[in-house]
PDB file of all heavy atoms in Angstrom:
ATOM      1  N   GLU A   1     -34.455  67.232  14.052  1.00  0.00           N
ATOM      2  CA  GLU A   1     -34.703  65.892  13.468  1.00  0.00           C
ATOM      3  C   GLU A   1     -34.455  64.812  14.656  1.00  0.00           C
ATOM      4  O   GLU A   1     -33.563  63.966  14.524  1.00  0.00           O
ATOM      5  CB  GLU A   1     -33.820  65.617  12.288  1.00  0.00           C
ATOM      6  CG  GLU A   1     -34.021  66.467  11.119  1.00  0.00           C
ATOM      7  CD  GLU A   1     -33.091  66.208   9.991  1.00  0.00           C
ATOM      8  OE1 GLU A   1     -33.405  65.258   9.205  1.00  0.00           O
ATOM      9  OE2 GLU A   1     -31.991  66.796   9.911  1.00  0.00           O
ATOM     10  N   PRO A   2     -35.238  64.924  15.745  1.00  0.00           N
ATOM     11  CA  PRO A   2     -34.963  64.039  16.879  1.00  0.00           C
ATOM     12  C   PRO A   2     -35.046  62.580  16.536  1.00  0.00           C
ATOM     13  O   PRO A   2     -34.335  61.759  17.185  1.00  0.00           O
ATOM     14  CB  PRO A   2     -36.005  64.505  17.914  1.00  0.00           C
ATOM     15  CG  PRO A   2     -37.162  65.091  17.102  1.00  0.00           C
ATOM     16  CD  PRO A   2     -36.512  65.733  15.910  1.00  0.00           C
ATOM     17  N   GLU A   3     -36.017  62.166  15.677  1.00  0.00           N
ATOM     18  CA  GLU A   3     -36.141  60.752  15.384  1.00  0.00           C
ATOM     19  C   GLU A   3     -34.881  60.200  14.709  1.00  0.00           C
ATOM     20  O   GLU A   3     -34.408  59.085  14.965  1.00  0.00           O
ATOM     21  CB  GLU A   3     -37.405  60.442  14.637  1.00  0.00           C
ATOM     22  CG  GLU A   3     -37.695  58.965  14.481  1.00  0.00           C
ATOM     23  CD  GLU A   3     -39.116  58.653  14.019  1.00  0.00           C
ATOM     24  OE1 GLU A   3     -39.892  59.689  13.850  1.00  0.00           O
ATOM     25  OE2 GLU A   3     -39.484  57.490  13.927  1.00  0.00           O
ATOM     26  N   VAL A   4     -34.425  60.968  13.687  1.00  0.00           N
ATOM     27  CA  VAL A   4     -33.177  60.599  13.017  1.00  0.00           C
ATOM     28  C   VAL A   4     -32.043  60.465  14.079  1.00  0.00           C
ATOM     29  O   VAL A   4     -31.237  59.542  14.013  1.00  0.00           O
ATOM     30  CB  VAL A   4     -32.825  61.641  11.904  1.00  0.00           C
ATOM     31  CG1 VAL A   4     -31.443  61.330  11.300  1.00  0.00           C
ATOM     32  CG2 VAL A   4     -33.838  61.632  10.835  1.00  0.00           C
ATOM     33  N   ALA A   5     -32.034  61.492  14.897  1.00  0.00           N
ATOM     34  CA  ALA A   5     -30.910  61.461  15.989  1.00  0.00           C
ATOM     35  C   ALA A   5     -31.013  60.159  16.849  1.00  0.00           C
ATOM     36  O   ALA A   5     -30.019  59.548  17.094  1.00  0.00           O
ATOM     37  CB  ALA A   5     -31.043  62.657  16.954  1.00  0.00           C
ATOM     38  N   ALA A   6     -32.243  59.794  17.186  1.00  0.00           N
ATOM     39  CA  ALA A   6     -32.359  58.568  18.000  1.00  0.00           C
ATOM     40  C   ALA A   6     -31.974  57.293  17.310  1.00  0.00           C
ATOM     41  O   ALA A   6     -31.275  56.428  17.800  1.00  0.00           O
ATOM     42  CB  ALA A   6     -33.845  58.421  18.479  1.00  0.00           C
ATOM     43  N   VAL A   7     -32.284  57.225  16.002  1.00  0.00           N
ATOM     44  CA  VAL A   7     -31.858  56.148  15.180  1.00  0.00           C
ATOM     45  C   VAL A   7     -30.401  56.052  15.157  1.00  0.00           C
ATOM     46  O   VAL A   7     -29.769  54.957  15.232  1.00  0.00           O
ATOM     47  CB  VAL A   7     -32.502  56.186  13.757  1.00  0.00           C
ATOM     48  CG1 VAL A   7     -31.868  55.210  12.811  1.00  0.00           C
ATOM     49  CG2 VAL A   7     -34.043  55.987  13.768  1.00  0.00           C
ATOM     50  N   LEU A   8     -29.699  57.225  14.880  1.00  0.00           N
ATOM     51  CA  LEU A   8     -28.301  57.223  14.744  1.00  0.00           C
ATOM     52  C   LEU A   8     -27.679  56.861  16.131  1.00  0.00           C
ATOM     53  O   LEU A   8     -26.580  56.220  16.119  1.00  0.00           O
ATOM     54  CB  LEU A   8     -27.777  58.599  14.316  1.00  0.00           C
ATOM     55  CG  LEU A   8     -28.232  58.974  12.943  1.00  0.00           C
ATOM     56  CD1 LEU A   8     -27.689  60.381  12.492  1.00  0.00           C
ATOM     57  CD2 LEU A   8     -27.720  57.970  11.859  1.00  0.00           C
ATOM     58  N   GLN A   9     -28.147  57.254  17.147  1.00  0.00           N
ATOM     59  CA  GLN A   9     -27.652  56.896  18.478  1.00  0.00           C
ATOM     60  C   GLN A   9     -27.741  55.376  18.733  1.00  0.00           C
ATOM     61  O   GLN A   9     -26.801  54.793  19.242  1.00  0.00           O
ATOM     62  CB  GLN A   9     -28.308  57.600  19.623  1.00  0.00           C
ATOM     63  CG  GLN A   9     -27.897  59.098  19.739  1.00  0.00           C
ATOM     64  CD  GLN A   9     -28.132  59.648  21.090  1.00  0.00           C
ATOM     65  OE1 GLN A   9     -29.136  59.528  21.635  1.00  0.00           O
ATOM     66  NE2 GLN A   9     -27.112  60.357  21.621  1.00  0.00           N
ATOM     67  N   GLY A  10     -28.795  54.781  18.196  1.00  0.00           N
ATOM     68  CA  GLY A  10     -28.904  53.374  18.329  1.00  0.00           C
ATOM     69  C   GLY A  10     -27.945  52.610  17.467  1.00  0.00           C
ATOM     70  O   GLY A  10     -27.270  51.618  17.853  1.00  0.00           O
ATOM     71  N   ALA A  11     -27.704  53.216  16.261  1.00  0.00           N
ATOM     72  CA  ALA A  11     -26.640  52.635  15.337  1.00  0.00           C
ATOM     73  C   ALA A  11     -25.307  52.711  15.964  1.00  0.00           C
ATOM     74  O   ALA A  11     -24.496  51.803  15.926  1.00  0.00           O
ATOM     75  CB  ALA A  11     -26.741  53.299  13.967  1.00  0.00           C
ATOM     76  N   ALA A  12     -24.968  53.894  16.564  1.00  0.00           N
ATOM     77  CA  ALA A  12     -23.730  54.065  17.232  1.00  0.00           C
ATOM     78  C   ALA A  12     -23.515  53.051  18.397  1.00  0.00           C
ATOM     79  O   ALA A  12     -22.493  52.537  18.610  1.00  0.00           O
ATOM     80  CB  ALA A  12     -23.567  55.501  17.726  1.00  0.00           C
ATOM     81  N   GLY A  13     -24.671  52.789  19.084  1.00  0.00           N
ATOM     82  CA  GLY A  13     -24.544  51.864  20.259  1.00  0.00           C
ATOM     83  C   GLY A  13     -24.106  50.501  19.829  1.00  0.00           C
ATOM     84  O   GLY A  13     -23.299  49.864  20.509  1.00  0.00           O
ATOM     85  N   THR A  14     -24.526  50.089  18.581  1.00  0.00           N
ATOM     86  CA  THR A  14     -24.109  48.770  18.044  1.00  0.00           C
ATOM     87  C   THR A  14     -22.659  48.809  17.695  1.00  0.00           C
ATOM     88  O   THR A  14     -21.867  47.863  17.932  1.00  0.00           O
ATOM     89  CB  THR A  14     -24.960  48.421  16.860  1.00  0.00           C
ATOM     90  OG1 THR A  14     -26.305  48.200  17.286  1.00  0.00           O
ATOM     91  CG2 THR A  14     -24.463  47.086  16.172  1.00  0.00           C
ATOM     92  N   ILE A  15     -22.203  49.911  17.010  1.00  0.00           N
ATOM     93  CA  ILE A  15     -20.826  49.975  16.555  1.00  0.00           C
ATOM     94  C   ILE A  15     -19.888  50.032  17.775  1.00  0.00           C
ATOM     95  O   ILE A  15     -18.758  49.436  17.714  1.00  0.00           O
ATOM     96  CB  ILE A  15     -20.562  51.273  15.706  1.00  0.00           C
ATOM     97  CG1 ILE A  15     -21.539  51.250  14.418  1.00  0.00           C
ATOM     98  CG2 ILE A  15     -19.186  51.380  15.204  1.00  0.00           C
ATOM     99  CD1 ILE A  15     -21.598  52.509  13.623  1.00  0.00           C
ATOM    100  N   TRP A  16     -20.340  50.729  18.861  1.00  0.00           N
ATOM    101  CA  TRP A  16     -19.433  50.801  20.042  1.00  0.00           C
ATOM    102  C   TRP A  16     -19.145  49.398  20.558  1.00  0.00           C
ATOM    103  O   TRP A  16     -18.087  49.235  21.168  1.00  0.00           O
ATOM    104  CB  TRP A  16     -20.109  51.666  21.115  1.00  0.00           C
ATOM    105  CG  TRP A  16     -19.836  53.052  21.022  1.00  0.00           C
ATOM    106  CD1 TRP A  16     -20.882  54.077  20.689  1.00  0.00           C
ATOM    107  CD2 TRP A  16     -18.694  53.812  21.112  1.00  0.00           C
ATOM    108  NE1 TRP A  16     -20.316  55.221  20.633  1.00  0.00           N
ATOM    109  CE2 TRP A  16     -18.938  55.183  20.888  1.00  0.00           C
ATOM    110  CE3 TRP A  16     -17.341  53.426  21.324  1.00  0.00           C
ATOM    111  CZ2 TRP A  16     -17.958  56.137  20.919  1.00  0.00           C
ATOM    112  CZ3 TRP A  16     -16.430  54.471  21.388  1.00  0.00           C
ATOM    113  CH2 TRP A  16     -16.699  55.807  21.097  1.00  0.00           C
ATOM    114  N   ARG A  17     -19.957  48.479  20.350  1.00  0.00           N
ATOM    115  CA  ARG A  17     -19.688  47.090  20.799  1.00  0.00           C
ATOM    116  C   ARG A  17     -18.334  46.502  20.203  1.00  0.00           C
ATOM    117  O   ARG A  17     -17.743  45.705  20.788  1.00  0.00           O
ATOM    118  CB  ARG A  17     -20.862  46.152  20.480  1.00  0.00           C
ATOM    119  CG  ARG A  17     -22.118  46.371  21.264  1.00  0.00           C
ATOM    120  CD  ARG A  17     -23.143  45.341  20.993  1.00  0.00           C
ATOM    121  NE  ARG A  17     -24.260  45.352  21.829  1.00  0.00           N
ATOM    122  CZ  ARG A  17     -25.262  44.567  21.775  1.00  0.00           C
ATOM    123  NH1 ARG A  17     -25.327  43.631  20.836  1.00  0.00           N
ATOM    124  NH2 ARG A  17     -26.329  44.621  22.617  1.00  0.00           N
ATOM    125  N   SER A  18     -18.101  46.941  18.998  1.00  0.00           N
ATOM    126  CA  SER A  18     -16.839  46.511  18.356  1.00  0.00           C
ATOM    127  C   SER A  18     -15.679  47.399  18.542  1.00  0.00           C
ATOM    128  O   SER A  18     -14.585  47.064  18.177  1.00  0.00           O
ATOM    129  CB  SER A  18     -17.106  46.477  16.762  1.00  0.00           C
ATOM    130  OG  SER A  18     -18.184  45.533  16.458  1.00  0.00           O
ATOM    131  N   VAL A  19     -15.911  48.482  19.205  1.00  0.00           N
ATOM    132  CA  VAL A  19     -14.842  49.485  19.430  1.00  0.00           C
ATOM    133  C   VAL A  19     -14.273  49.384  20.853  1.00  0.00           C
ATOM    134  O   VAL A  19     -13.022  49.375  21.067  1.00  0.00           O
ATOM    135  CB  VAL A  19     -15.330  50.955  19.168  1.00  0.00           C
ATOM    136  CG1 VAL A  19     -14.256  52.021  19.515  1.00  0.00           C
ATOM    137  CG2 VAL A  19     -15.686  51.063  17.682  1.00  0.00           C
ATOM    138  N   GLY A  20     -15.164  49.359  21.790  1.00  0.00           N
ATOM    139  CA  GLY A  20     -14.671  49.402  23.246  1.00  0.00           C
ATOM    140  C   GLY A  20     -15.791  50.085  24.110  1.00  0.00           C
ATOM    141  O   GLY A  20     -16.949  50.123  23.715  1.00  0.00           O
ATOM    142  N   PRO A  21     -15.362  50.568  25.261  1.00  0.00           N
ATOM    143  CA  PRO A  21     -16.362  51.195  26.130  1.00  0.00           C
ATOM    144  C   PRO A  21     -17.040  52.325  25.498  1.00  0.00           C
ATOM    145  O   PRO A  21     -16.484  53.093  24.701  1.00  0.00           O
ATOM    146  CB  PRO A  21     -15.437  51.677  27.353  1.00  0.00           C
ATOM    147  CG  PRO A  21     -14.198  50.831  27.292  1.00  0.00           C
ATOM    148  CD  PRO A  21     -14.002  50.598  25.843  1.00  0.00           C
ATOM    149  N   LEU A  22     -18.401  52.458  25.759  1.00  0.00           N
ATOM    150  CA  LEU A  22     -19.151  53.551  25.144  1.00  0.00           C
ATOM    151  C   LEU A  22     -18.535  54.878  25.384  1.00  0.00           C
ATOM    152  O   LEU A  22     -18.317  55.267  26.563  1.00  0.00           O
ATOM    153  CB  LEU A  22     -20.527  53.476  25.710  1.00  0.00           C
ATOM    154  CG  LEU A  22     -21.514  54.579  25.182  1.00  0.00           C
ATOM    155  CD1 LEU A  22     -21.786  54.406  23.702  1.00  0.00           C
ATOM    156  CD2 LEU A  22     -22.829  54.493  25.924  1.00  0.00           C
ATOM    157  N   LEU A  23     -18.139  55.568  24.297  1.00  0.00           N
ATOM    158  CA  LEU A  23     -17.517  56.955  24.401  1.00  0.00           C
ATOM    159  C   LEU A  23     -16.333  56.904  25.254  1.00  0.00           C
ATOM    160  O   LEU A  23     -16.025  57.944  25.908  1.00  0.00           O
ATOM    161  CB  LEU A  23     -18.615  57.905  24.836  1.00  0.00           C
ATOM    162  CG  LEU A  23     -19.723  58.147  23.713  1.00  0.00           C
ATOM    163  CD1 LEU A  23     -21.027  58.669  24.433  1.00  0.00           C
ATOM    164  CD2 LEU A  23     -19.245  59.079  22.644  1.00  0.00           C
ATOM    165  N   PHE A  24     -15.682  55.724  25.299  1.00  0.00           N
ATOM    166  CA  PHE A  24     -14.384  55.635  26.138  1.00  0.00           C
ATOM    167  C   PHE A  24     -14.567  55.928  27.537  1.00  0.00           C
ATOM    168  O   PHE A  24     -13.595  56.210  28.266  1.00  0.00           O
ATOM    169  CB  PHE A  24     -13.356  56.545  25.520  1.00  0.00           C
ATOM    170  CG  PHE A  24     -13.080  56.424  24.048  1.00  0.00           C
ATOM    171  CD1 PHE A  24     -13.213  57.536  23.150  1.00  0.00           C
ATOM    172  CD2 PHE A  24     -12.843  55.194  23.399  1.00  0.00           C
ATOM    173  CE1 PHE A  24     -13.042  57.380  21.803  1.00  0.00           C
ATOM    174  CE2 PHE A  24     -12.681  55.044  22.086  1.00  0.00           C
ATOM    175  CZ  PHE A  24     -12.786  56.150  21.244  1.00  0.00           C
ATOM    176  N   ASP A  25     -15.813  55.854  28.060  1.00  0.00           N
ATOM    177  CA  ASP A  25     -16.061  56.191  29.435  1.00  0.00           C
ATOM    178  C   ASP A  25     -15.543  57.633  29.821  1.00  0.00           C
ATOM    179  O   ASP A  25     -15.121  57.892  30.945  1.00  0.00           O
ATOM    180  CB  ASP A  25     -15.484  55.164  30.410  1.00  0.00           C
ATOM    181  CG  ASP A  25     -16.157  53.815  30.280  1.00  0.00           C
ATOM    182  OD1 ASP A  25     -17.373  53.842  30.045  1.00  0.00           O
ATOM    183  OD2 ASP A  25     -15.564  52.791  30.629  1.00  0.00           O
ATOM    184  N   SER A  26     -15.639  58.462  28.801  1.00  0.00           N
ATOM    185  CA  SER A  26     -15.073  59.808  29.020  1.00  0.00           C
ATOM    186  C   SER A  26     -16.168  60.820  29.212  1.00  0.00           C
ATOM    187  O   SER A  26     -17.171  60.924  28.367  1.00  0.00           O
ATOM    188  CB  SER A  26     -14.266  60.210  27.815  1.00  0.00           C
ATOM    189  OG  SER A  26     -14.006  61.659  27.751  1.00  0.00           O
ATOM    190  N   ARG A  27     -16.086  61.672  30.233  1.00  0.00           N
ATOM    191  CA  ARG A  27     -17.116  62.698  30.421  1.00  0.00           C
ATOM    192  C   ARG A  27     -17.136  63.719  29.312  1.00  0.00           C
ATOM    193  O   ARG A  27     -18.138  64.320  29.033  1.00  0.00           O
ATOM    194  CB  ARG A  27     -16.937  63.344  31.779  1.00  0.00           C
ATOM    195  CG  ARG A  27     -15.646  64.160  31.937  1.00  0.00           C
ATOM    196  CD  ARG A  27     -15.518  64.708  33.318  1.00  0.00           C
ATOM    197  NE  ARG A  27     -14.277  65.456  33.570  1.00  0.00           N
ATOM    198  CZ  ARG A  27     -14.191  66.796  33.293  1.00  0.00           C
ATOM    199  NH1 ARG A  27     -15.235  67.481  32.835  1.00  0.00           N
ATOM    200  NH2 ARG A  27     -13.078  67.407  33.495  1.00  0.00           N
ATOM    201  N   HIS A  28     -15.947  63.971  28.679  1.00  0.00           N
ATOM    202  CA  HIS A  28     -15.841  64.894  27.587  1.00  0.00           C
ATOM    203  C   HIS A  28     -16.619  64.365  26.377  1.00  0.00           C
ATOM    204  O   HIS A  28     -17.383  65.177  25.735  1.00  0.00           O
ATOM    205  CB  HIS A  28     -14.365  65.150  27.204  1.00  0.00           C
ATOM    206  CG  HIS A  28     -13.605  65.729  28.244  1.00  0.00           C
ATOM    207  ND1 HIS A  28     -13.868  67.039  28.724  1.00  0.00           N
ATOM    208  CD2 HIS A  28     -12.554  65.282  29.017  1.00  0.00           C
ATOM    209  CE1 HIS A  28     -13.004  67.362  29.744  1.00  0.00           C
ATOM    210  NE2 HIS A  28     -12.231  66.283  29.914  1.00  0.00           N
ATOM    211  N   PHE A  29     -16.436  63.096  26.014  1.00  0.00           N
ATOM    212  CA  PHE A  29     -17.118  62.568  24.846  1.00  0.00           C
ATOM    213  C   PHE A  29     -18.652  62.342  25.191  1.00  0.00           C
ATOM    214  O   PHE A  29     -19.500  62.393  24.278  1.00  0.00           O
ATOM    215  CB  PHE A  29     -16.494  61.304  24.403  1.00  0.00           C
ATOM    216  CG  PHE A  29     -15.092  61.453  23.709  1.00  0.00           C
ATOM    217  CD1 PHE A  29     -13.998  60.840  24.256  1.00  0.00           C
ATOM    218  CD2 PHE A  29     -15.022  62.270  22.609  1.00  0.00           C
ATOM    219  CE1 PHE A  29     -12.803  60.983  23.625  1.00  0.00           C
ATOM    220  CE2 PHE A  29     -13.764  62.520  22.050  1.00  0.00           C
ATOM    221  CZ  PHE A  29     -12.650  61.862  22.559  1.00  0.00           C
ATOM    222  N   ASN A  30     -18.897  61.979  26.417  1.00  0.00           N
ATOM    223  CA  ASN A  30     -20.221  61.572  26.799  1.00  0.00           C
ATOM    224  C   ASN A  30     -21.196  62.800  26.963  1.00  0.00           C
ATOM    225  O   ASN A  30     -22.399  62.694  26.720  1.00  0.00           O
ATOM    226  CB  ASN A  30     -20.227  60.901  28.169  1.00  0.00           C
ATOM    227  CG  ASN A  30     -21.433  59.996  28.366  1.00  0.00           C
ATOM    228  OD1 ASN A  30     -21.855  59.358  27.447  1.00  0.00           O
ATOM    229  ND2 ASN A  30     -21.986  60.024  29.554  1.00  0.00           N
ATOM    230  N   ARG A  31     -20.643  64.035  27.184  1.00  0.00           N
ATOM    231  CA  ARG A  31     -21.509  65.214  27.397  1.00  0.00           C
ATOM    232  C   ARG A  31     -22.392  65.477  26.162  1.00  0.00           C
ATOM    233  O   ARG A  31     -23.660  65.593  26.317  1.00  0.00           O
ATOM    234  CB  ARG A  31     -20.636  66.415  27.692  1.00  0.00           C
ATOM    235  CG  ARG A  31     -21.455  67.662  27.930  1.00  0.00           C
ATOM    236  CD  ARG A  31     -20.598  68.749  28.551  1.00  0.00           C
ATOM    237  NE  ARG A  31     -21.353  70.018  28.688  1.00  0.00           N
ATOM    238  CZ  ARG A  31     -21.273  71.011  27.665  1.00  0.00           C
ATOM    239  NH1 ARG A  31     -20.596  70.869  26.636  1.00  0.00           N
ATOM    240  NH2 ARG A  31     -22.031  72.077  28.003  1.00  0.00           N
ATOM    241  N   PRO A  32     -21.884  65.552  24.936  1.00  0.00           N
ATOM    242  CA  PRO A  32     -22.780  65.804  23.800  1.00  0.00           C
ATOM    243  C   PRO A  32     -23.709  64.602  23.511  1.00  0.00           C
ATOM    244  O   PRO A  32     -24.836  64.829  23.143  1.00  0.00           O
ATOM    245  CB  PRO A  32     -21.787  66.043  22.630  1.00  0.00           C
ATOM    246  CG  PRO A  32     -20.512  65.468  23.043  1.00  0.00           C
ATOM    247  CD  PRO A  32     -20.479  65.619  24.533  1.00  0.00           C
ATOM    248  N   HIS A  33     -23.260  63.422  23.912  1.00  0.00           N
ATOM    249  CA  HIS A  33     -24.137  62.260  23.724  1.00  0.00           C
ATOM    250  C   HIS A  33     -25.371  62.417  24.600  1.00  0.00           C
ATOM    251  O   HIS A  33     -26.467  62.228  24.187  1.00  0.00           O
ATOM    252  CB  HIS A  33     -23.373  60.968  24.059  1.00  0.00           C
ATOM    253  CG  HIS A  33     -24.188  59.783  24.112  1.00  0.00           C
ATOM    254  ND1 HIS A  33     -24.516  59.010  22.978  1.00  0.00           N
ATOM    255  CD2 HIS A  33     -24.819  59.119  25.143  1.00  0.00           C
ATOM    256  CE1 HIS A  33     -25.226  57.970  23.269  1.00  0.00           C
ATOM    257  NE2 HIS A  33     -25.470  58.030  24.619  1.00  0.00           N
ATOM    258  N   LEU A  34     -25.127  62.815  25.880  1.00  0.00           N
ATOM    259  CA  LEU A  34     -26.219  62.940  26.815  1.00  0.00           C
ATOM    260  C   LEU A  34     -27.079  64.085  26.452  1.00  0.00           C
ATOM    261  O   LEU A  34     -28.396  64.038  26.594  1.00  0.00           O
ATOM    262  CB  LEU A  34     -25.737  63.083  28.181  1.00  0.00           C
ATOM    263  CG  LEU A  34     -25.032  61.918  28.775  1.00  0.00           C
ATOM    264  CD1 LEU A  34     -24.444  62.260  30.178  1.00  0.00           C
ATOM    265  CD2 LEU A  34     -25.943  60.715  28.912  1.00  0.00           C
TER     266      LEU A  34
END
């Protein structure tokens, strides 16, 4: 379901603005995102 995945990544991108650096600037958290 790649389109659903893309929508959810966009939604997460907005939420991260209220949380802090995207995926905490961590390579561990960023790997599955990429």
